Amino acid sequence: VHNMQQGCDMAGKKLESAPEFFPGAAVSPESEPFELMFQKYRKKIEAGARFFQTQAVFDTSRFAKFMCEANALD
């Protein structure tokens, strides 16, 4: 996605114009272990994710912990 936004296709050839994307990713705040899930979340941010869609949340205290950690990254 990053290369395409820079105006190149996957083979490195120039595109006529660069497409615009708003890349997102999925996150499962209730996954165990929390530290591994959060490490994957950070990697997705580093890879360019600009928004996240969560899986269904049933444990609101766990979700609150995730949100506190996520907000601390800013």
N, C-alpha and C. Protein backbone atom coordinates (compact mmCIF):
# COMPACT_ATOMS: atom_id res chain seq x y z
N VAL A 1 0.83 -1.18 0.00
CA VAL A 1 0.00 0.00 0.00
C VAL A 1 0.88 1.25 0.00
N HIS A 2 1.93 1.24 0.83
CA HIS A 2 2.81 2.40 0.90
C HIS A 2 3.43 2.71 -0.47
N ASN A 3 3.93 1.68 -1.15
CA ASN A 3 4.54 1.89 -2.47
C ASN A 3 3.53 2.41 -3.47
N MET A 4 2.30 1.89 -3.41
CA MET A 4 1.27 2.37 -4.34
C MET A 4 0.95 3.83 -4.08
N GLN A 5 0.91 4.23 -2.82
CA GLN A 5 0.65 5.63 -2.50
C GLN A 5 1.79 6.53 -2.97
N GLN A 6 2.97 5.94 -3.15
CA GLN A 6 4.12 6.69 -3.66
C GLN A 6 4.14 6.70 -5.19
N GLY A 7 3.17 6.00 -5.83
CA GLY A 7 3.06 6.03 -7.27
C GLY A 7 3.70 4.85 -7.98
N CYS A 8 3.97 3.75 -7.26
CA CYS A 8 4.57 2.56 -7.88
C CYS A 8 3.69 1.34 -7.60
N ASP A 9 3.66 0.40 -8.58
CA ASP A 9 2.92 -0.83 -8.34
C ASP A 9 3.79 -1.82 -7.57
N MET A 10 3.30 -3.03 -7.37
CA MET A 10 4.05 -4.02 -6.58
C MET A 10 5.35 -4.44 -7.23
N ALA A 11 5.46 -4.27 -8.56
CA ALA A 11 6.69 -4.62 -9.27
C ALA A 11 7.65 -3.44 -9.35
N GLY A 12 7.24 -2.30 -8.79
CA GLY A 12 8.10 -1.12 -8.80
C GLY A 12 7.92 -0.22 -10.01
N LYS A 13 6.95 -0.55 -10.88
CA LYS A 13 6.69 0.26 -12.06
C LYS A 13 5.86 1.48 -11.68
N LYS A 14 6.15 2.60 -12.35
CA LYS A 14 5.42 3.85 -12.09
C LYS A 14 3.96 3.72 -12.51
N LEU A 15 3.08 4.23 -11.69
CA LEU A 15 1.66 4.30 -12.00
C LEU A 15 1.35 5.66 -12.62
N GLU A 16 0.25 5.74 -13.38
CA GLU A 16 -0.15 7.03 -13.96
C GLU A 16 -0.40 8.05 -12.86
N SER A 17 -1.05 7.62 -11.82
CA SER A 17 -1.28 8.49 -10.67
C SER A 17 -1.32 7.62 -9.42
N ALA A 18 -0.97 8.20 -8.32
CA ALA A 18 -0.93 7.46 -7.06
C ALA A 18 -2.34 7.37 -6.47
N PRO A 19 -2.79 6.15 -6.13
CA PRO A 19 -4.10 6.02 -5.49
C PRO A 19 -4.03 6.50 -4.04
N GLU A 20 -5.17 6.85 -3.52
CA GLU A 20 -5.24 7.27 -2.12
C GLU A 20 -5.95 6.18 -1.32
N PHE A 21 -5.31 5.72 -0.27
CA PHE A 21 -5.89 4.70 0.61
C PHE A 21 -5.97 5.25 2.02
N PHE A 22 -6.87 4.70 2.80
CA PHE A 22 -6.95 4.97 4.23
C PHE A 22 -6.93 3.60 4.90
N PRO A 23 -5.72 3.01 5.05
CA PRO A 23 -5.62 1.62 5.51
C PRO A 23 -6.01 1.42 6.97
N GLY A 24 -6.70 0.32 7.20
CA GLY A 24 -7.10 -0.04 8.55
C GLY A 24 -6.73 -1.48 8.84
N ALA A 25 -7.03 -1.91 10.06
CA ALA A 25 -6.70 -3.27 10.48
C ALA A 25 -7.68 -3.70 11.57
N ALA A 26 -7.64 -4.98 11.87
CA ALA A 26 -8.48 -5.54 12.93
C ALA A 26 -7.64 -5.74 14.19
N VAL A 27 -8.31 -5.66 15.32
CA VAL A 27 -7.65 -5.92 16.61
C VAL A 27 -8.66 -6.64 17.51
N SER A 28 -8.15 -7.56 18.31
CA SER A 28 -8.98 -8.32 19.24
C SER A 28 -8.55 -7.99 20.66
N PRO A 29 -9.14 -6.97 21.28
CA PRO A 29 -8.71 -6.54 22.61
C PRO A 29 -8.79 -7.61 23.69
N GLU A 30 -9.57 -8.65 23.48
CA GLU A 30 -9.71 -9.69 24.50
C GLU A 30 -8.77 -10.87 24.28
N SER A 31 -7.90 -10.81 23.26
CA SER A 31 -6.98 -11.92 22.98
C SER A 31 -5.98 -12.11 24.11
N GLU A 32 -5.59 -13.35 24.30
CA GLU A 32 -4.57 -13.71 25.30
C GLU A 32 -3.33 -14.20 24.58
N PRO A 33 -2.17 -13.93 25.06
CA PRO A 33 -1.88 -12.99 26.14
C PRO A 33 -1.99 -11.55 25.65
N PHE A 34 -2.35 -10.66 26.56
CA PHE A 34 -2.55 -9.26 26.22
C PHE A 34 -1.31 -8.65 25.58
N GLU A 35 -0.14 -8.96 26.12
CA GLU A 35 1.10 -8.36 25.63
C GLU A 35 1.36 -8.72 24.17
N LEU A 36 1.09 -9.96 23.79
CA LEU A 36 1.29 -10.38 22.41
C LEU A 36 0.30 -9.68 21.48
N MET A 37 -0.97 -9.61 21.90
CA MET A 37 -1.98 -8.91 21.10
C MET A 37 -1.57 -7.46 20.90
N PHE A 38 -1.08 -6.82 21.97
CA PHE A 38 -0.73 -5.41 21.87
C PHE A 38 0.52 -5.21 21.01
N GLN A 39 1.44 -6.14 21.05
CA GLN A 39 2.62 -6.08 20.18
C GLN A 39 2.19 -6.14 18.72
N LYS A 40 1.24 -7.00 18.39
CA LYS A 40 0.72 -7.09 17.02
C LYS A 40 0.01 -5.79 16.63
N TYR A 41 -0.71 -5.21 17.57
CA TYR A 41 -1.40 -3.93 17.34
C TYR A 41 -0.38 -2.85 16.97
N ARG A 42 0.71 -2.75 17.73
CA ARG A 42 1.75 -1.75 17.44
C ARG A 42 2.38 -1.99 16.07
N LYS A 43 2.61 -3.25 15.71
CA LYS A 43 3.19 -3.56 14.40
C LYS A 43 2.26 -3.12 13.28
N LYS A 44 0.97 -3.27 13.47
CA LYS A 44 0.00 -2.83 12.46
C LYS A 44 0.03 -1.32 12.31
N ILE A 45 0.22 -0.61 13.40
CA ILE A 45 0.36 0.85 13.33
C ILE A 45 1.62 1.20 12.55
N GLU A 46 2.73 0.54 12.88
CA GLU A 46 3.99 0.79 12.18
C GLU A 46 3.89 0.47 10.69
N ALA A 47 3.04 -0.50 10.34
CA ALA A 47 2.85 -0.88 8.94
C ALA A 47 1.94 0.10 8.20
N GLY A 48 1.32 1.04 8.93
CA GLY A 48 0.53 2.07 8.27
C GLY A 48 -0.95 2.08 8.57
N ALA A 49 -1.43 1.22 9.47
CA ALA A 49 -2.86 1.23 9.81
C ALA A 49 -3.22 2.57 10.44
N ARG A 50 -4.29 3.16 9.94
CA ARG A 50 -4.73 4.47 10.44
C ARG A 50 -6.03 4.39 11.22
N PHE A 51 -6.69 3.24 11.18
CA PHE A 51 -7.86 3.01 12.02
C PHE A 51 -7.95 1.52 12.33
N PHE A 52 -8.72 1.18 13.36
CA PHE A 52 -8.87 -0.22 13.77
C PHE A 52 -10.33 -0.56 13.96
N GLN A 53 -10.67 -1.77 13.57
CA GLN A 53 -11.99 -2.36 13.82
C GLN A 53 -11.77 -3.45 14.84
N THR A 54 -12.48 -3.39 15.96
CA THR A 54 -12.31 -4.44 16.97
C THR A 54 -13.24 -5.61 16.68
N GLN A 55 -12.87 -6.74 17.22
CA GLN A 55 -13.79 -7.87 17.25
C GLN A 55 -14.83 -7.53 18.31
N ALA A 56 -15.86 -8.32 18.43
CA ALA A 56 -16.89 -8.07 19.44
C ALA A 56 -16.25 -8.01 20.83
N VAL A 57 -16.71 -7.04 21.63
CA VAL A 57 -16.16 -6.84 22.98
C VAL A 57 -17.21 -7.28 24.00
N PHE A 58 -16.83 -8.20 24.86
CA PHE A 58 -17.72 -8.69 25.90
C PHE A 58 -17.21 -8.32 27.29
N ASP A 59 -15.91 -8.06 27.42
CA ASP A 59 -15.29 -7.73 28.70
C ASP A 59 -14.90 -6.25 28.66
N THR A 60 -15.76 -5.40 29.20
CA THR A 60 -15.51 -3.96 29.10
C THR A 60 -14.30 -3.52 29.90
N SER A 61 -13.97 -4.21 30.99
CA SER A 61 -12.77 -3.83 31.74
C SER A 61 -11.52 -4.14 30.93
N ARG A 62 -11.53 -5.24 30.21
CA ARG A 62 -10.40 -5.59 29.34
C ARG A 62 -10.28 -4.57 28.21
N PHE A 63 -11.42 -4.16 27.65
CA PHE A 63 -11.41 -3.16 26.59
C PHE A 63 -10.89 -1.83 27.12
N ALA A 64 -11.27 -1.47 28.33
CA ALA A 64 -10.78 -0.23 28.94
C ALA A 64 -9.26 -0.27 29.10
N LYS A 65 -8.72 -1.42 29.50
CA LYS A 65 -7.26 -1.57 29.62
C LYS A 65 -6.61 -1.37 28.25
N PHE A 66 -7.19 -2.00 27.22
CA PHE A 66 -6.66 -1.85 25.87
C PHE A 66 -6.66 -0.38 25.44
N MET A 67 -7.77 0.30 25.67
CA MET A 67 -7.87 1.71 25.26
C MET A 67 -6.87 2.58 26.01
N CYS A 68 -6.64 2.32 27.29
CA CYS A 68 -5.64 3.09 28.04
C CYS A 68 -4.25 2.89 27.43
N GLU A 69 -3.91 1.65 27.11
CA GLU A 69 -2.61 1.36 26.49
C GLU A 69 -2.52 1.99 25.10
N ALA A 70 -3.59 1.89 24.33
CA ALA A 70 -3.59 2.45 22.98
C ALA A 70 -3.45 3.97 23.01
N ASN A 71 -4.16 4.62 23.91
CA ASN A 71 -4.08 6.08 24.02
C ASN A 71 -2.70 6.53 24.48
N ALA A 72 -2.02 5.70 25.25
CA ALA A 72 -0.68 6.05 25.74
C ALA A 72 0.35 6.06 24.61
N LEU A 73 0.03 5.43 23.48
CA LEU A 73 0.96 5.41 22.34
C LEU A 73 1.04 6.76 21.64
N ASP A 74 0.03 7.60 21.80
CA ASP A 74 0.01 8.90 21.11
C ASP A 74 1.02 9.84 21.65
